[in-house]
Amino acid sequence: LKELSRFLGYSEKYASDVFQRCMGRPFSTHLKQLRLDRAISMLREKGHTISKIAESIGFSDAFAFSHFVKRAVGCSPMEYRRQQLRQADRA
């Protein structure tokens, strides 16, 4: 939000209000969804460690990332990856 407001030349509060009016949801909700989408995409690929995924989407540690994913999808990142790989093997 800080970068967006600086880019637009607005205060953070005003940029947040404009974002919500235009996008229909708060900036923080939008950012969380973007991070989750990216994490899910990376978890479906085999070449990324959990800690690298966490780092690449802006988490300071794998524990916080794991908590984020578990709240969003109902299981840990590792379990989600296992489920996705099992489903891919069946297809």
Protein backbone atom coordinates (compact mmCIF):
# COMPACT_ATOMS: atom_id res chain seq x y z
CA LEU A 1 0.00 0.00 0.00
CA LYS A 2 2.89 2.30 0.80
CA GLU A 3 4.40 1.75 -2.66
CA LEU A 4 1.02 2.14 -4.36
CA SER A 5 0.28 5.39 -2.54
CA ARG A 6 3.73 6.73 -3.35
CA PHE A 7 3.28 5.77 -7.03
CA LEU A 8 -0.12 7.47 -7.17
CA GLY A 9 1.03 10.47 -5.17
CA TYR A 10 -1.69 9.99 -2.54
CA SER A 11 -1.67 9.37 1.18
CA GLU A 12 -1.94 5.71 2.18
CA LYS A 13 -5.43 6.29 3.56
CA TYR A 14 -6.68 7.90 0.36
CA ALA A 15 -4.99 5.26 -1.84
CA SER A 16 -6.64 2.57 0.29
CA ASP A 17 -10.05 4.20 -0.09
CA VAL A 18 -9.61 4.59 -3.86
CA PHE A 19 -8.49 0.98 -4.16
CA GLN A 20 -11.51 -0.28 -2.26
CA ARG A 21 -13.92 1.79 -4.36
CA CYS A 22 -12.36 0.60 -7.62
CA MET A 23 -11.70 -3.03 -6.74
CA GLY A 24 -14.62 -3.67 -4.39
CA ARG A 25 -12.43 -5.03 -1.61
CA PRO A 26 -9.72 -3.72 0.71
CA PHE A 27 -6.13 -3.62 -0.47
CA SER A 28 -5.10 -6.06 2.28
CA THR A 29 -7.68 -8.63 1.14
CA HIS A 30 -6.52 -8.26 -2.46
CA LEU A 31 -2.88 -8.67 -1.45
CA LYS A 32 -3.65 -11.78 0.62
CA GLN A 33 -5.45 -13.33 -2.35
CA LEU A 34 -2.55 -12.56 -4.69
CA ARG A 35 -0.12 -14.11 -2.23
CA LEU A 36 -2.31 -17.18 -1.80
CA ASP A 37 -2.73 -17.64 -5.56
CA ARG A 38 1.04 -17.44 -6.05
CA ALA A 39 1.69 -19.83 -3.16
CA ILE A 40 -0.82 -22.37 -4.47
CA SER A 41 0.72 -22.18 -7.92
CA MET A 42 4.22 -22.73 -6.54
CA LEU A 43 3.08 -25.57 -4.25
CA ARG A 44 1.77 -27.42 -7.29
CA GLU A 45 5.25 -27.36 -8.81
CA LYS A 46 7.94 -29.69 -7.50
CA GLY A 47 10.95 -27.39 -7.69
CA HIS A 48 10.23 -25.07 -4.76
CA THR A 49 10.87 -25.64 -1.07
CA ILE A 50 8.28 -24.41 1.41
CA SER A 51 10.74 -21.88 2.82
CA LYS A 52 11.57 -20.54 -0.66
CA ILE A 53 7.88 -20.16 -1.46
CA ALA A 54 7.34 -18.36 1.84
CA GLU A 55 10.23 -16.01 1.13
CA SER A 56 9.20 -15.35 -2.46
CA ILE A 57 5.71 -14.17 -1.48
CA GLY A 58 6.89 -11.97 1.35
CA PHE A 59 6.81 -14.05 4.54
CA SER A 60 9.70 -13.69 6.94
CA ASP A 61 9.56 -17.35 7.97
CA ALA A 62 8.04 -20.67 6.97
CA PHE A 63 5.97 -20.90 10.17
CA ALA A 64 4.01 -17.72 9.39
CA PHE A 65 3.56 -18.91 5.81
CA SER A 66 2.33 -22.32 6.99
CA HIS A 67 -0.20 -20.66 9.29
CA PHE A 68 -1.40 -18.43 6.43
CA VAL A 69 -1.89 -21.39 4.07
CA LYS A 70 -3.55 -23.54 6.71
CA ARG A 71 -6.10 -20.81 7.47
CA ALA A 72 -6.80 -20.33 3.76
CA VAL A 73 -7.03 -23.94 2.52
CA GLY A 74 -7.45 -26.00 5.69
CA CYS A 75 -4.15 -27.86 5.69
CA SER A 76 -0.42 -27.22 5.86
CA PRO A 77 1.50 -26.31 2.70
CA MET A 78 3.21 -29.71 2.72
CA GLU A 79 -0.09 -31.57 3.02
CA TYR A 80 -1.62 -29.41 0.29
CA ARG A 81 1.34 -30.24 -1.97
CA ARG A 82 0.97 -33.97 -1.26
CA GLN A 83 -2.75 -33.83 -2.07
CA GLN A 84 -2.12 -32.00 -5.33
CA LEU A 85 0.64 -34.37 -6.40
CA ARG A 86 -1.58 -37.39 -5.62
CA GLN A 87 -4.38 -35.91 -7.72
CA ALA A 88 -1.97 -35.20 -10.58
CA ASP A 89 -0.68 -38.77 -10.46
CA ARG A 90 -4.25 -40.12 -10.75
CA ALA A 91 -5.05 -37.94 -13.76
